[in-house]
């Protein structure tokens, strides 16, 4: 399946990318699985606190299922005002 992944802030610095399309193995179907893949591919992410949004909604659980054509965003901590 193919998904779009967007990176922001310190996460974009660590990956040296702002966005990419990824082909995911059928076995990678949860946010938790994807986080493990990202941290293996980009070891610097292990030292960065980040959350993942799926289709513009921050997910609280790593067990959320990822589907074909979903848009994912890796978001570092941010402050509002």
C-alpha atoms as a PDB file:
ATOM      1  CA  UNK A   1       0.000   0.000   0.000  1.00  0.00           C
ATOM      2  CA  UNK A   2       1.148   3.567  -0.628  1.00  0.00           C
ATOM      3  CA  UNK A   3       0.906   6.385   1.924  1.00  0.00           C
ATOM      4  CA  UNK A   4       2.132   9.974   1.990  1.00  0.00           C
ATOM      5  CA  UNK A   5       4.324  10.979   4.926  1.00  0.00           C
ATOM      6  CA  UNK A   6       5.042  14.594   5.853  1.00  0.00           C
ATOM      7  CA  UNK A   7       7.796  15.617   8.253  1.00  0.00           C
ATOM      8  CA  UNK A   8       7.909  18.834  10.277  1.00  0.00           C
ATOM      9  CA  UNK A   9      10.442  20.703  12.425  1.00  0.00           C
ATOM     10  CA  UNK A  10      13.138  18.607  14.088  1.00  0.00           C
ATOM     11  CA  UNK A  11      11.678  15.477  12.476  1.00  0.00           C
ATOM     12  CA  UNK A  12      12.228  16.972   9.001  1.00  0.00           C
ATOM     13  CA  UNK A  13      15.785  17.861  10.045  1.00  0.00           C
ATOM     14  CA  UNK A  14      16.427  14.280  11.165  1.00  0.00           C
ATOM     15  CA  UNK A  15      15.011  12.706   7.999  1.00  0.00           C
ATOM     16  CA  UNK A  16      16.345  15.449   5.703  1.00  0.00           C
ATOM     17  CA  UNK A  17      12.960  15.334   3.971  1.00  0.00           C
ATOM     18  CA  UNK A  18       9.752  17.310   4.136  1.00  0.00           C
ATOM     19  CA  UNK A  19       7.577  14.711   2.427  1.00  0.00           C
ATOM     20  CA  UNK A  20       7.729  11.326   0.762  1.00  0.00           C
ATOM     21  CA  UNK A  21       5.461   8.637  -0.621  1.00  0.00           C
ATOM     22  CA  UNK A  22       6.101   5.245   0.921  1.00  0.00           C
ATOM     23  CA  UNK A  23       5.190   1.783  -0.200  1.00  0.00           C
ATOM     24  CA  UNK A  24       4.389  -0.173   2.953  1.00  0.00           C
ATOM     25  CA  UNK A  25       4.596  -3.914   3.274  1.00  0.00           C
ATOM     26  CA  UNK A  26       1.218  -5.464   4.030  1.00  0.00           C
ATOM     27  CA  UNK A  27       2.571  -6.466   7.466  1.00  0.00           C
ATOM     28  CA  UNK A  28       3.004  -2.787   8.426  1.00  0.00           C
ATOM     29  CA  UNK A  29      -0.529  -1.764   9.142  1.00  0.00           C
ATOM     30  CA  UNK A  30      -0.487   0.115  12.449  1.00  0.00           C
ATOM     31  CA  UNK A  31       1.051   3.425  13.506  1.00  0.00           C
ATOM     32  CA  UNK A  32       3.176   1.522  16.031  1.00  0.00           C
ATOM     33  CA  UNK A  33       4.606  -0.686  13.250  1.00  0.00           C
ATOM     34  CA  UNK A  34       5.332   2.370  11.150  1.00  0.00           C
ATOM     35  CA  UNK A  35       7.102   4.167  14.027  1.00  0.00           C
ATOM     36  CA  UNK A  36       9.437   1.206  14.394  1.00  0.00           C
ATOM     37  CA  UNK A  37      10.180   1.304  10.669  1.00  0.00           C
ATOM     38  CA  UNK A  38      10.864   5.053  10.788  1.00  0.00           C
ATOM     39  CA  UNK A  39      13.180   4.711  13.776  1.00  0.00           C
ATOM     40  CA  UNK A  40      15.114   1.913  12.042  1.00  0.00           C
ATOM     41  CA  UNK A  41      15.395   3.951   8.849  1.00  0.00           C
ATOM     42  CA  UNK A  42      16.149   7.251  10.645  1.00  0.00           C
ATOM     43  CA  UNK A  43      17.879   6.402  13.973  1.00  0.00           C
ATOM     44  CA  UNK A  44      17.918  10.093  14.965  1.00  0.00           C
ATOM     45  CA  UNK A  45      14.147   9.889  15.495  1.00  0.00           C
ATOM     46  CA  UNK A  46      14.712   7.771  18.609  1.00  0.00           C
ATOM     47  CA  UNK A  47      15.978  10.934  20.338  1.00  0.00           C
ATOM     48  CA  UNK A  48      13.086  13.169  19.239  1.00  0.00           C
ATOM     49  CA  UNK A  49       9.677  13.315  20.870  1.00  0.00           C
ATOM     50  CA  UNK A  50       7.053  13.333  18.137  1.00  0.00           C
ATOM     51  CA  UNK A  51       3.425  12.458  17.547  1.00  0.00           C
ATOM     52  CA  UNK A  52       1.796  11.098  14.422  1.00  0.00           C
ATOM     53  CA  UNK A  53      -1.273  12.460  12.725  1.00  0.00           C
ATOM     54  CA  UNK A  54      -3.251  10.276  10.340  1.00  0.00           C
ATOM     55  CA  UNK A  55      -5.344  12.209   7.838  1.00  0.00           C
ATOM     56  CA  UNK A  56      -4.851  15.413   9.878  1.00  0.00           C
ATOM     57  CA  UNK A  57      -5.932  13.903  13.210  1.00  0.00           C
ATOM     58  CA  UNK A  58      -3.346  13.250  15.914  1.00  0.00           C
ATOM     59  CA  UNK A  59      -3.582   9.645  17.015  1.00  0.00           C
ATOM     60  CA  UNK A  60      -3.294   8.786  20.693  1.00  0.00           C
ATOM     61  CA  UNK A  61      -2.683   5.085  20.195  1.00  0.00           C
ATOM     62  CA  UNK A  62      -0.053   3.321  18.141  1.00  0.00           C
ATOM     63  CA  UNK A  63      -2.651   0.675  17.338  1.00  0.00           C
ATOM     64  CA  UNK A  64      -4.489   2.865  14.806  1.00  0.00           C
ATOM     65  CA  UNK A  65      -4.658   1.090  11.451  1.00  0.00           C
ATOM     66  CA  UNK A  66      -3.080   2.681   8.390  1.00  0.00           C
ATOM     67  CA  UNK A  67      -4.902   2.354   5.084  1.00  0.00           C
ATOM     68  CA  UNK A  68      -4.023   2.826   1.415  1.00  0.00           C
ATOM     69  CA  UNK A  69      -3.602   6.522   0.460  1.00  0.00           C
ATOM     70  CA  UNK A  70      -3.578   7.777   4.066  1.00  0.00           C
ATOM     71  CA  UNK A  71      -1.634  10.937   4.788  1.00  0.00           C
ATOM     72  CA  UNK A  72       0.647  10.723   7.814  1.00  0.00           C
ATOM     73  CA  UNK A  73       2.474  13.569   9.511  1.00  0.00           C
ATOM     74  CA  UNK A  74       5.279  13.288  12.056  1.00  0.00           C
ATOM     75  CA  UNK A  75       4.980  16.297  14.327  1.00  0.00           C
ATOM     76  CA  UNK A  76       7.552  17.430  16.901  1.00  0.00           C
ATOM     77  CA  UNK A  77       6.452  19.116  20.137  1.00  0.00           C
ATOM     78  CA  UNK A  78       5.126  22.614  19.584  1.00  0.00           C
ATOM     79  CA  UNK A  79       3.797  25.452  21.698  1.00  0.00           C
ATOM     80  CA  UNK A  80       0.869  27.644  20.897  1.00  0.00           C
ATOM     81  CA  UNK A  81      -0.036  31.091  21.949  1.00  0.00           C
END
